[in-house]
Amino acid sequence: LRHENDLCWLEDFEELMNSFKNFQFHPVLSQASEEWSLCRGYVTDCL
């Protein structure tokens, strides 16, 4: 996605990660703020 405020279902995916150890979630932002600590750029960069 582009921005943090574009993210929805974030809590749902985090809950799935906590409930199912075989599931991992990587949100990737192309226009992230300085505070964003996860993947930046295009989704292919993170991949």
ModelCIF file with pLDDT and N, C-alpha, C, O atoms, coordinates in Angstrom:
data_MODEL
#
_entry.id   MODEL 
#
_entity.id                         1 
_entity.type                       polymer 
_entity.pdbx_number_of_molecules   1 
#
_entity_poly.entity_id                      1 
_entity_poly.type                           'polypeptide(L)' 
_entity_poly.nstd_linkage                   no 
_entity_poly.nstd_monomer                   no 
_entity_poly.pdbx_seq_one_letter_code       LRHENDLCWLEDFEELMNSFKNFQFHPVLSQASEEWSLCRGYVTDCL 
_entity_poly.pdbx_seq_one_letter_code_can   LRHENDLCWLEDFEELMNSFKNFQFHPVLSQASEEWSLCRGYVTDCL 
_entity_poly.pdbx_strand_id                 A 
#
loop_
_entity_poly_seq.entity_id 
_entity_poly_seq.num 
_entity_poly_seq.mon_id 
_entity_poly_seq.hetero 
1 1  LEU n 
1 2  ARG n 
1 3  HIS n 
1 4  GLU n 
1 5  ASN n 
1 6  ASP n 
1 7  LEU n 
1 8  CYS n 
1 9  TRP n 
1 10 LEU n 
1 11 GLU n 
1 12 ASP n 
1 13 PHE n 
1 14 GLU n 
1 15 GLU n 
1 16 LEU n 
1 17 MET n 
1 18 ASN n 
1 19 SER n 
1 20 PHE n 
1 21 LYS n 
1 22 ASN n 
1 23 PHE n 
1 24 GLN n 
1 25 PHE n 
1 26 HIS n 
1 27 PRO n 
1 28 VAL n 
1 29 LEU n 
1 30 SER n 
1 31 GLN n 
1 32 ALA n 
1 33 SER n 
1 34 GLU n 
1 35 GLU n 
1 36 TRP n 
1 37 SER n 
1 38 LEU n 
1 39 CYS n 
1 40 ARG n 
1 41 GLY n 
1 42 TYR n 
1 43 VAL n 
1 44 THR n 
1 45 ASP n 
1 46 CYS n 
1 47 LEU n 
#
_struct_asym.id          A 
_struct_asym.entity_id   1 
#
loop_
_ma_qa_metric.id 
_ma_qa_metric.mode 
_ma_qa_metric.name 
_ma_qa_metric.software_group_id 
_ma_qa_metric.type 
1 global pLDDT . pLDDT 
2 local  pLDDT . pLDDT 
#
_ma_qa_metric_global.metric_id      1 
_ma_qa_metric_global.metric_value   93.40 
_ma_qa_metric_global.model_id       1 
_ma_qa_metric_global.ordinal_id     1 
#
loop_
_ma_qa_metric_local.label_asym_id 
_ma_qa_metric_local.label_comp_id 
_ma_qa_metric_local.label_seq_id 
_ma_qa_metric_local.metric_id 
_ma_qa_metric_local.metric_value 
_ma_qa_metric_local.model_id 
_ma_qa_metric_local.ordinal_id 
A LEU 1  2 95.00 1 1  
A ARG 2  2 94.00 1 2  
A HIS 3  2 93.00 1 3  
A GLU 4  2 93.00 1 4  
A ASN 5  2 92.00 1 5  
A ASP 6  2 92.00 1 6  
A LEU 7  2 93.00 1 7  
A CYS 8  2 94.00 1 8  
A TRP 9  2 95.00 1 9  
A LEU 10 2 92.00 1 10 
A GLU 11 2 93.00 1 11 
A ASP 12 2 95.00 1 12 
A PHE 13 2 97.00 1 13 
A GLU 14 2 96.00 1 14 
A GLU 15 2 97.00 1 15 
A LEU 16 2 98.00 1 16 
A MET 17 2 97.00 1 17 
A ASN 18 2 97.00 1 18 
A SER 19 2 98.00 1 19 
A PHE 20 2 98.00 1 20 
A LYS 21 2 97.00 1 21 
A ASN 22 2 98.00 1 22 
A PHE 23 2 98.00 1 23 
A GLN 24 2 96.00 1 24 
A PHE 25 2 97.00 1 25 
A HIS 26 2 95.00 1 26 
A PRO 27 2 96.00 1 27 
A VAL 28 2 96.00 1 28 
A LEU 29 2 95.00 1 29 
A SER 30 2 94.00 1 30 
A GLN 31 2 93.00 1 31 
A ALA 32 2 88.00 1 32 
A SER 33 2 89.00 1 33 
A GLU 34 2 87.00 1 34 
A GLU 35 2 89.00 1 35 
A TRP 36 2 87.00 1 36 
A SER 37 2 89.00 1 37 
A LEU 38 2 89.00 1 38 
A CYS 39 2 90.00 1 39 
A ARG 40 2 92.00 1 40 
A GLY 41 2 93.00 1 41 
A TYR 42 2 93.00 1 42 
A VAL 43 2 93.00 1 43 
A THR 44 2 92.00 1 44 
A ASP 45 2 91.00 1 45 
A CYS 46 2 88.00 1 46 
A LEU 47 2 86.00 1 47 
#
loop_
_atom_site.group_PDB 
_atom_site.id 
_atom_site.type_symbol 
_atom_site.label_atom_id 
_atom_site.label_alt_id 
_atom_site.label_comp_id 
_atom_site.label_asym_id 
_atom_site.label_entity_id 
_atom_site.label_seq_id 
_atom_site.pdbx_PDB_ins_code 
_atom_site.Cartn_x 
_atom_site.Cartn_y 
_atom_site.Cartn_z 
_atom_site.occupancy 
_atom_site.B_iso_or_equiv 
_atom_site.pdbx_formal_charge 
_atom_site.auth_seq_id 
_atom_site.auth_comp_id 
_atom_site.auth_asym_id 
_atom_site.auth_atom_id 
_atom_site.pdbx_PDB_model_num 
ATOM 1   N N  . LEU A 1 1  ? 0.857  -1.187  0.000  1.00 95.00 ? 1  LEU A N  1 
ATOM 2   C CA . LEU A 1 1  ? 0.000  0.000   0.000  1.00 95.00 ? 1  LEU A CA 1 
ATOM 3   C C  . LEU A 1 1  ? 0.893  1.236   0.000  1.00 95.00 ? 1  LEU A C  1 
ATOM 4   O O  . LEU A 1 1  ? 2.119  1.121   0.003  1.00 95.00 ? 1  LEU A O  1 
ATOM 5   N N  . ARG A 1 2  ? 0.282  2.411   -0.003 1.00 94.00 ? 2  ARG A N  1 
ATOM 6   C CA . ARG A 1 2  ? 1.082  3.641   0.010  1.00 94.00 ? 2  ARG A CA 1 
ATOM 7   C C  . ARG A 1 2  ? 1.359  4.138   1.425  1.00 94.00 ? 2  ARG A C  1 
ATOM 8   O O  . ARG A 1 2  ? 2.512  4.347   1.800  1.00 94.00 ? 2  ARG A O  1 
ATOM 9   N N  . HIS A 1 3  ? 0.299  4.326   2.208  1.00 93.00 ? 3  HIS A N  1 
ATOM 10  C CA . HIS A 1 3  ? 0.423  4.997   3.506  1.00 93.00 ? 3  HIS A CA 1 
ATOM 11  C C  . HIS A 1 3  ? -0.083 4.114   4.641  1.00 93.00 ? 3  HIS A C  1 
ATOM 12  O O  . HIS A 1 3  ? -0.834 3.164   4.417  1.00 93.00 ? 3  HIS A O  1 
ATOM 13  N N  . GLU A 1 4  ? 0.343  4.441   5.873  1.00 93.00 ? 4  GLU A N  1 
ATOM 14  C CA . GLU A 1 4  ? -0.131 3.722   7.049  1.00 93.00 ? 4  GLU A CA 1 
ATOM 15  C C  . GLU A 1 4  ? -1.651 3.766   7.158  1.00 93.00 ? 4  GLU A C  1 
ATOM 16  O O  . GLU A 1 4  ? -2.283 2.769   7.506  1.00 93.00 ? 4  GLU A O  1 
ATOM 17  N N  . ASN A 1 5  ? -2.235 4.928   6.859  1.00 92.00 ? 5  ASN A N  1 
ATOM 18  C CA . ASN A 1 5  ? -3.685 5.053   7.033  1.00 92.00 ? 5  ASN A CA 1 
ATOM 19  C C  . ASN A 1 5  ? -4.486 4.359   5.932  1.00 92.00 ? 5  ASN A C  1 
ATOM 20  O O  . ASN A 1 5  ? -5.716 4.420   5.937  1.00 92.00 ? 5  ASN A O  1 
ATOM 21  N N  . ASP A 1 6  ? -3.807 3.701   4.990  1.00 92.00 ? 6  ASP A N  1 
ATOM 22  C CA . ASP A 1 6  ? -4.488 2.859   4.007  1.00 92.00 ? 6  ASP A CA 1 
ATOM 23  C C  . ASP A 1 6  ? -4.751 1.455   4.547  1.00 92.00 ? 6  ASP A C  1 
ATOM 24  O O  . ASP A 1 6  ? -5.582 0.722   4.010  1.00 92.00 ? 6  ASP A O  1 
ATOM 25  N N  . LEU A 1 7  ? -4.041 1.088   5.607  1.00 93.00 ? 7  LEU A N  1 
ATOM 26  C CA . LEU A 1 7  ? -4.128 -0.274  6.131  1.00 93.00 ? 7  LEU A CA 1 
ATOM 27  C C  . LEU A 1 7  ? -5.459 -0.515  6.838  1.00 93.00 ? 7  LEU A C  1 
ATOM 28  O O  . LEU A 1 7  ? -5.881 0.277   7.680  1.00 93.00 ? 7  LEU A O  1 
ATOM 29  N N  . CYS A 1 8  ? -6.096 -1.594  6.490  1.00 94.00 ? 8  CYS A N  1 
ATOM 30  C CA . CYS A 1 8  ? -7.265 -2.066  7.236  1.00 94.00 ? 8  CYS A CA 1 
ATOM 31  C C  . CYS A 1 8  ? -7.045 -3.550  7.527  1.00 94.00 ? 8  CYS A C  1 
ATOM 32  O O  . CYS A 1 8  ? -6.142 -4.175  6.970  1.00 94.00 ? 8  CYS A O  1 
ATOM 33  N N  . TRP A 1 9  ? -7.873 -4.099  8.400  1.00 95.00 ? 9  TRP A N  1 
ATOM 34  C CA . TRP A 1 9  ? -7.755 -5.501  8.824  1.00 95.00 ? 9  TRP A CA 1 
ATOM 35  C C  . TRP A 1 9  ? -6.407 -5.787  9.479  1.00 95.00 ? 9  TRP A C  1 
ATOM 36  O O  . TRP A 1 9  ? -6.022 -6.948  9.616  1.00 95.00 ? 9  TRP A O  1 
ATOM 37  N N  . LEU A 1 10 ? -5.689 -4.746  9.883  1.00 92.00 ? 10 LEU A N  1 
ATOM 38  C CA . LEU A 1 10 ? -4.362 -4.955  10.457 1.00 92.00 ? 10 LEU A CA 1 
ATOM 39  C C  . LEU A 1 10 ? -4.439 -5.804  11.720 1.00 92.00 ? 10 LEU A C  1 
ATOM 40  O O  . LEU A 1 10 ? -3.654 -6.736  11.894 1.00 92.00 ? 10 LEU A O  1 
ATOM 41  N N  . GLU A 1 11 ? -5.374 -5.486  12.592 1.00 93.00 ? 11 GLU A N  1 
ATOM 42  C CA . GLU A 1 11 ? -5.521 -6.265  13.823 1.00 93.00 ? 11 GLU A CA 1 
ATOM 43  C C  . GLU A 1 11 ? -5.927 -7.701  13.523 1.00 93.00 ? 11 GLU A C  1 
ATOM 44  O O  . GLU A 1 11 ? -5.506 -8.630  14.213 1.00 93.00 ? 11 GLU A O  1 
ATOM 45  N N  . ASP A 1 12 ? -6.746 -7.880  12.490 1.00 95.00 ? 12 ASP A N  1 
ATOM 46  C CA . ASP A 1 12 ? -7.172 -9.239  12.119 1.00 95.00 ? 12 ASP A CA 1 
ATOM 47  C C  . ASP A 1 12 ? -5.983 -10.093 11.703 1.00 95.00 ? 12 ASP A C  1 
ATOM 48  O O  . ASP A 1 12 ? -5.859 -11.243 12.124 1.00 95.00 ? 12 ASP A O  1 
ATOM 49  N N  . PHE A 1 13 ? -5.113 -9.531  10.879 1.00 97.00 ? 13 PHE A N  1 
ATOM 50  C CA . PHE A 1 13 ? -3.954 -10.291 10.416 1.00 97.00 ? 13 PHE A CA 1 
ATOM 51  C C  . PHE A 1 13 ? -2.968 -10.527 11.561 1.00 97.00 ? 13 PHE A C  1 
ATOM 52  O O  . PHE A 1 13 ? -2.342 -11.584 11.632 1.00 97.00 ? 13 PHE A O  1 
ATOM 53  N N  . GLU A 1 14 ? -2.829 -9.551  12.451 1.00 96.00 ? 14 GLU A N  1 
ATOM 54  C CA . GLU A 1 14 ? -1.947 -9.739  13.605 1.00 96.00 ? 14 GLU A CA 1 
ATOM 55  C C  . GLU A 1 14 ? -2.489 -10.827 14.530 1.00 96.00 ? 14 GLU A C  1 
ATOM 56  O O  . GLU A 1 14 ? -1.723 -11.605 15.098 1.00 96.00 ? 14 GLU A O  1 
ATOM 57  N N  . GLU A 1 15 ? -3.806 -10.877 14.675 1.00 97.00 ? 15 GLU A N  1 
ATOM 58  C CA . GLU A 1 15 ? -4.419 -11.925 15.493 1.00 97.00 ? 15 GLU A CA 1 
ATOM 59  C C  . GLU A 1 15 ? -4.208 -13.301 14.865 1.00 97.00 ? 15 GLU A C  1 
ATOM 60  O O  . GLU A 1 15 ? -3.984 -14.284 15.572 1.00 97.00 ? 15 GLU A O  1 
ATOM 61  N N  . LEU A 1 16 ? -4.280 -13.366 13.537 1.00 98.00 ? 16 LEU A N  1 
ATOM 62  C CA . LEU A 1 16 ? -4.010 -14.637 12.862 1.00 98.00 ? 16 LEU A CA 1 
ATOM 63  C C  . LEU A 1 16 ? -2.571 -15.082 13.094 1.00 98.00 ? 16 LEU A C  1 
ATOM 64  O O  . LEU A 1 16 ? -2.311 -16.268 13.299 1.00 98.00 ? 16 LEU A O  1 
ATOM 65  N N  . MET A 1 17 ? -1.634 -14.134 13.061 1.00 97.00 ? 17 MET A N  1 
ATOM 66  C CA . MET A 1 17 ? -0.233 -14.488 13.320 1.00 97.00 ? 17 MET A CA 1 
ATOM 67  C C  . MET A 1 17 ? -0.060 -15.032 14.733 1.00 97.00 ? 17 MET A C  1 
ATOM 68  O O  . MET A 1 17 ? 0.703  -15.973 14.950 1.00 97.00 ? 17 MET A O  1 
ATOM 69  N N  . ASN A 1 18 ? -0.766 -14.441 15.693 1.00 97.00 ? 18 ASN A N  1 
ATOM 70  C CA . ASN A 1 18 ? -0.666 -14.904 17.081 1.00 97.00 ? 18 ASN A CA 1 
ATOM 71  C C  . ASN A 1 18 ? -1.314 -16.266 17.273 1.00 97.00 ? 18 ASN A C  1 
ATOM 72  O O  . ASN A 1 18 ? -0.870 -17.061 18.101 1.00 97.00 ? 18 ASN A O  1 
ATOM 73  N N  . SER A 1 19 ? -2.372 -16.533 16.501 1.00 98.00 ? 19 SER A N  1 
ATOM 74  C CA . SER A 1 19 ? -3.105 -17.782 16.663 1.00 98.00 ? 19 SER A CA 1 
ATOM 75  C C  . SER A 1 19 ? -2.522 -18.934 15.861 1.00 98.00 ? 19 SER A C  1 
ATOM 76  O O  . SER A 1 19 ? -2.639 -20.098 16.244 1.00 98.00 ? 19 SER A O  1 
ATOM 77  N N  . PHE A 1 20 ? -1.889 -18.592 14.739 1.00 98.00 ? 20 PHE A N  1 
ATOM 78  C CA . PHE A 1 20 ? -1.353 -19.625 13.837 1.00 98.00 ? 20 PHE A CA 1 
ATOM 79  C C  . PHE A 1 20 ? 0.127  -19.324 13.568 1.00 98.00 ? 20 PHE A C  1 
ATOM 80  O O  . PHE A 1 20 ? 0.466  -18.379 12.857 1.00 98.00 ? 20 PHE A O  1 
ATOM 81  N N  . LYS A 1 21 ? 0.972  -20.132 14.140 1.00 97.00 ? 21 LYS A N  1 
ATOM 82  C CA . LYS A 1 21 ? 2.416  -19.894 14.039 1.00 97.00 ? 21 LYS A CA 1 
ATOM 83  C C  . LYS A 1 21 ? 2.946  -20.112 12.629 1.00 97.00 ? 21 LYS A C  1 
ATOM 84  O O  . LYS A 1 21 ? 4.071  -19.712 12.329 1.00 97.00 ? 21 LYS A O  1 
ATOM 85  N N  . ASN A 1 22 ? 2.171  -20.727 11.770 1.00 98.00 ? 22 ASN A N  1 
ATOM 86  C CA . ASN A 1 22 ? 2.604  -20.954 10.381 1.00 98.00 ? 22 ASN A CA 1 
ATOM 87  C C  . ASN A 1 22 ? 2.191  -19.818 9.451  1.00 98.00 ? 22 ASN A C  1 
ATOM 88  O O  . ASN A 1 22 ? 2.326  -19.944 8.234  1.00 98.00 ? 22 ASN A O  1 
ATOM 89  N N  . PHE A 1 23 ? 1.687  -18.707 10.003 1.00 98.00 ? 23 PHE A N  1 
ATOM 90  C CA . PHE A 1 23 ? 1.277  -17.562 9.189  1.00 98.00 ? 23 PHE A CA 1 
ATOM 91  C C  . PHE A 1 23 ? 2.107  -16.329 9.530  1.00 98.00 ? 23 PHE A C  1 
ATOM 92  O O  . PHE A 1 23 ? 2.264  -15.969 10.697 1.00 98.00 ? 23 PHE A O  1 
ATOM 93  N N  . GLN A 1 24 ? 2.640  -15.685 8.481  1.00 96.00 ? 24 GLN A N  1 
ATOM 94  C CA . GLN A 1 24 ? 3.407  -14.447 8.635  1.00 96.00 ? 24 GLN A CA 1 
ATOM 95  C C  . GLN A 1 24 ? 2.814  -13.366 7.732  1.00 96.00 ? 24 GLN A C  1 
ATOM 96  O O  . GLN A 1 24 ? 2.352  -13.650 6.627  1.00 96.00 ? 24 GLN A O  1 
ATOM 97  N N  . PHE A 1 25 ? 2.834  -12.139 8.213  1.00 97.00 ? 25 PHE A N  1 
ATOM 98  C CA . PHE A 1 25 ? 2.248  -11.010 7.487  1.00 97.00 ? 25 PHE A CA 1 
ATOM 99  C C  . PHE A 1 25 ? 3.254  -9.876  7.391  1.00 97.00 ? 25 PHE A C  1 
ATOM 100 O O  . PHE A 1 25 ? 3.812  -9.439  8.398  1.00 97.00 ? 25 PHE A O  1 
ATOM 101 N N  . HIS A 1 26 ? 3.486  -9.393  6.148  1.00 95.00 ? 26 HIS A N  1 
ATOM 102 C CA . HIS A 1 26 ? 4.413  -8.284  5.913  1.00 95.00 ? 26 HIS A CA 1 
ATOM 103 C C  . HIS A 1 26 ? 3.695  -7.162  5.164  1.00 95.00 ? 26 HIS A C  1 
ATOM 104 O O  . HIS A 1 26 ? 3.577  -7.221  3.940  1.00 95.00 ? 26 HIS A O  1 
ATOM 105 N N  . PRO A 1 27 ? 3.210  -6.136  5.882  1.00 96.00 ? 27 PRO A N  1 
ATOM 106 C CA . PRO A 1 27 ? 2.676  -4.964  5.177  1.00 96.00 ? 27 PRO A CA 1 
ATOM 107 C C  . PRO A 1 27 ? 3.835  -4.136  4.636  1.00 96.00 ? 27 PRO A C  1 
ATOM 108 O O  . PRO A 1 27 ? 4.847  -3.956  5.314  1.00 96.00 ? 27 PRO A O  1 
ATOM 109 N N  . VAL A 1 28 ? 3.686  -3.634  3.418  1.00 96.00 ? 28 VAL A N  1 
ATOM 110 C CA . VAL A 1 28 ? 4.756  -2.896  2.748  1.00 96.00 ? 28 VAL A CA 1 
ATOM 111 C C  . VAL A 1 28 ? 4.197  -1.545  2.280  1.00 96.00 ? 28 VAL A C  1 
ATOM 112 O O  . VAL A 1 28 ? 3.181  -1.497  1.588  1.00 96.00 ? 28 VAL A O  1 
ATOM 113 N N  . LEU A 1 29 ? 4.872  -0.444  2.664  1.00 95.00 ? 29 LEU A N  1 
ATOM 114 C CA . LEU A 1 29 ? 4.377  0.886   2.320  1.00 95.00 ? 29 LEU A CA 1 
ATOM 115 C C  . LEU A 1 29 ? 5.361  1.604   1.407  1.00 95.00 ? 29 LEU A C  1 
ATOM 116 O O  . LEU A 1 29 ? 6.556  1.680   1.695  1.00 95.00 ? 29 LEU A O  1 
ATOM 117 N N  . SER A 1 30 ? 4.841  2.125   0.309  1.00 94.00 ? 30 SER A N  1 
ATOM 118 C CA . SER A 1 30 ? 5.709  2.829   -0.651 1.00 94.00 ? 30 SER A CA 1 
ATOM 119 C C  . SER A 1 30 ? 5.945  4.284   -0.264 1.00 94.00 ? 30 SER A C  1 
ATOM 120 O O  . SER A 1 30 ? 6.914  4.894   -0.717 1.00 94.00 ? 30 SER A O  1 
ATOM 121 N N  . GLN A 1 31 ? 5.060  4.851   0.577  1.00 93.00 ? 31 GLN A N  1 
ATOM 122 C CA . GLN A 1 31 ? 5.226  6.234   1.029  1.00 93.00 ? 31 GLN A CA 1 
ATOM 123 C C  . GLN A 1 31 ? 5.062  6.286   2.545  1.00 93.00 ? 31 GLN A C  1 
ATOM 124 O O  . GLN A 1 31 ? 4.216  7.009   3.072  1.00 93.00 ? 31 GLN A O  1 
ATOM 125 N N  . ALA A 1 32 ? 5.878  5.514   3.220  1.00 88.00 ? 32 ALA A N  1 
ATOM 126 C CA . ALA A 1 32 ? 5.776  5.379   4.674  1.00 88.00 ? 32 ALA A CA 1 
ATOM 127 C C  . ALA A 1 32 ? 6.331  6.607   5.385  1.00 88.00 ? 32 ALA A C  1 
ATOM 128 O O  . ALA A 1 32 ? 7.192  7.309   4.855  1.00 88.00 ? 32 ALA A O  1 
ATOM 129 N N  . SER A 1 33 ? 5.830  6.855   6.585  1.00 89.00 ? 33 SER A N  1 
ATOM 130 C CA . SER A 1 33 ? 6.359  7.932   7.422  1.00 89.00 ? 33 SER A CA 1 
ATOM 131 C C  . SER A 1 33 ? 7.685  7.489   8.030  1.00 89.00 ? 33 SER A C  1 
ATOM 132 O O  . SER A 1 33 ? 8.060  6.320   7.942  1.00 89.00 ? 33 SER A O  1 
ATOM 133 N N  . GLU A 1 34 ? 8.386  8.430   8.646  1.00 87.00 ? 34 GLU A N  1 
ATOM 134 C CA . GLU A 1 34 ? 9.672  8.103   9.274  1.00 87.00 ? 34 GLU A CA 1 
ATOM 135 C C  . GLU A 1 34 ? 9.498  7.114   10.419 1.00 87.00 ? 34 GLU A C  1 
ATOM 136 O O  . GLU A 1 34 ? 10.426 6.372   10.742 1.00 87.00 ? 34 GLU A O  1 
ATOM 137 N N  . GLU A 1 35 ? 8.309  7.096   11.041 1.00 89.00 ? 35 GLU A N  1 
ATOM 138 C CA . GLU A 1 35 ? 8.076  6.219   12.185 1.00 89.00 ? 35 GLU A CA 1 
ATOM 139 C C  . GLU A 1 35 ? 7.829  4.766   11.781 1.00 89.00 ? 35 GLU A C  1 
ATOM 140 O O  . GLU A 1 35 ? 7.894  3.870   12.623 1.00 89.00 ? 35 GLU A O  1 
ATOM 141 N N  . TRP A 1 36 ? 7.548  4.527   10.504 1.00 87.00 ? 36 TRP A N  1 
ATOM 142 C CA . TRP A 1 36 ? 7.251  3.170   10.038 1.00 87.00 ? 36 TRP A CA 1 
ATOM 143 C C  . TRP A 1 36 ? 8.495  2.301   10.135 1.00 87.00 ? 36 TRP A C  1 
ATOM 144 O O  . TRP A 1 36 ? 9.539  2.634   9.574  1.00 87.00 ? 36 TRP A O  1 
ATOM 145 N N  . SER A 1 37 ? 8.379  1.174   10.856 1.00 89.00 ? 37 SER A N  1 
ATOM 146 C CA . SER A 1 37 ? 9.551  0.333   11.123 1.00 89.00 ? 37 SER A CA 1 
ATOM 147 C C  . SER A 1 37 ? 9.571  -0.959  10.317 1.00 89.00 ? 37 SER A C  1 
ATOM 148 O O  . SER A 1 37 ? 10.511 -1.746  10.432 1.00 89.00 ? 37 SER A O  1 
ATOM 149 N N  . LEU A 1 38 ? 8.536  -1.186  9.498  1.00 89.00 ? 38 LEU A N  1 
ATOM 150 C CA . LEU A 1 38 ? 8.472  -2.427  8.732  1.00 89.00 ? 38 LEU A CA 1 
ATOM 151 C C  . LEU A 1 38 ? 8.908  -2.184  7.287  1.00 89.00 ? 38 LEU A C  1 
ATOM 152 O O  . LEU A 1 38 ? 9.592  -1.199  7.008  1.00 89.00 ? 38 LEU A O  1 
ATOM 153 N N  . CYS A 1 39 ? 8.526  -3.062  6.377  1.00 90.00 ? 39 CYS A N  1 
ATOM 154 C CA . CYS A 1 39 ? 9.011  -2.996  5.001  1.00 90.00 ? 39 CYS A CA 1 
ATOM 155 C C  . CYS A 1 39 ? 8.596  -1.694  4.310  1.00 90.00 ? 39 CYS A C  1 
ATOM 156 O O  . CYS A 1 39 ? 7.468  -1.226  4.462  1.00 90.00 ? 39 CYS A O  1 
ATOM 157 N N  . ARG A 1 40 ? 9.533  -1.123  3.549  1.00 92.00 ? 40 ARG A N  1 
ATOM 158 C CA . ARG A 1 40 ? 9.284  0.095   2.785  1.00 92.00 ? 40 ARG A CA 1 
ATOM 159 C C  . ARG A 1 40 ? 9.501  -0.176  1.298  1.00 92.00 ? 40 ARG A C  1 
ATOM 160 O O  . ARG A 1 40 ? 10.170 -1.136  0.914  1.00 92.00 ? 40 ARG A O  1 
ATOM 161 N N  . GLY A 1 41 ? 8.920  0.692   0.472  1.00 93.00 ? 41 GLY A N  1 
ATOM 162 C CA . GLY A 1 41 ? 9.096  0.563   -0.969 1.00 93.00 ? 41 GLY A CA 1 
ATOM 163 C C  . GLY A 1 41 ? 7.930  -0.176  -1.585 1.00 93.00 ? 41 GLY A C  1 
ATOM 164 O O  . GLY A 1 41 ? 6.822  -0.182  -1.050 1.00 93.00 ? 41 GLY A O  1 
ATOM 165 N N  . TYR A 1 42 ? 8.199  -0.802  -2.721 1.00 93.00 ? 42 TYR A N  1 
ATOM 166 C CA . TYR A 1 42 ? 7.170  -1.607  -3.373 1.00 93.00 ? 42 TYR A CA 1 
ATOM 167 C C  . TYR A 1 42 ? 7.156  -3.003  -2.763 1.00 93.00 ? 42 TYR A C  1 
ATOM 168 O O  . TYR A 1 42 ? 8.127  -3.443  -2.149 1.00 93.00 ? 42 TYR A O  1 
ATOM 169 N N  . VAL A 1 43 ? 6.039  -3.680  -2.948 1.00 93.00 ? 43 VAL A N  1 
ATOM 170 C CA . VAL A 1 43 ? 5.919  -5.003  -2.347 1.00 93.00 ? 43 VAL A CA 1 
ATOM 171 C C  . VAL A 1 43 ? 6.986  -5.946  -2.894 1.00 93.00 ? 43 VAL A C  1 
ATOM 172 O O  . VAL A 1 43 ? 7.415  -6.864  -2.196 1.00 93.00 ? 43 VAL A O  1 
ATOM 173 N N  . THR A 1 44 ? 7.412  -5.730  -4.121 1.00 92.00 ? 44 THR A N  1 
ATOM 174 C CA . THR A 1 44 ? 8.472  -6.570  -4.689 1.00 92.00 ? 44 THR A CA 1 
ATOM 175 C C  . THR A 1 44 ? 9.818  -6.342  -3.997 1.00 92.00 ? 44 THR A C  1 
ATOM 176 O O  . THR A 1 44 ? 10.655 -7.244  -3.971 1.00 92.00 ? 44 THR A O  1 
ATOM 177 N N  . ASP A 1 45 ? 10.038 -5.142  -3.434 1.00 91.00 ? 45 ASP A N  1 
ATOM 178 C CA . ASP A 1 45 ? 11.271 -4.876  -2.685 1.00 91.00 ? 45 ASP A CA 1 
ATOM 179 C C  . ASP A 1 45 ? 11.337 -5.759  -1.445 1.00 91.00 ? 45 ASP A C  1 
ATOM 180 O O  . ASP A 1 45 ? 12.378 -6.336  -1.131 1.00 91.00 ? 45 ASP A O  1 
ATOM 181 N N  . CYS A 1 46 ? 10.209 -5.857  -0.746 1.00 88.00 ? 46 CYS A N  1 
ATOM 182 C CA . CYS A 1 46 ? 10.160 -6.686  0.458  1.00 88.00 ? 46 CYS A CA 1 
ATOM 183 C C  . CYS A 1 46 ? 10.234 -8.162  0.094  1.00 88.00 ? 46 CYS A C  1 
ATOM 184 O O  . CYS A 1 46 ? 10.922 -8.943  0.752  1.00 88.00 ? 46 CYS A O  1 
ATOM 185 N N  . LEU A 1 47 ? 9.527  -8.528  -0.945 1.00 86.00 ? 47 LEU A N  1 
ATOM 186 C CA . LEU A 1 47 ? 9.542  -9.917  -1.390 1.00 86.00 ? 47 LEU A CA 1 
ATOM 187 C C  . LEU A 1 47 ? 10.953 -10.358 -1.753 1.00 86.00 ? 47 LEU A C  1 
ATOM 188 O O  . LEU A 1 47 ? 11.159 -11.505 -2.151 1.00 86.00 ? 47 LEU A O  1 
#
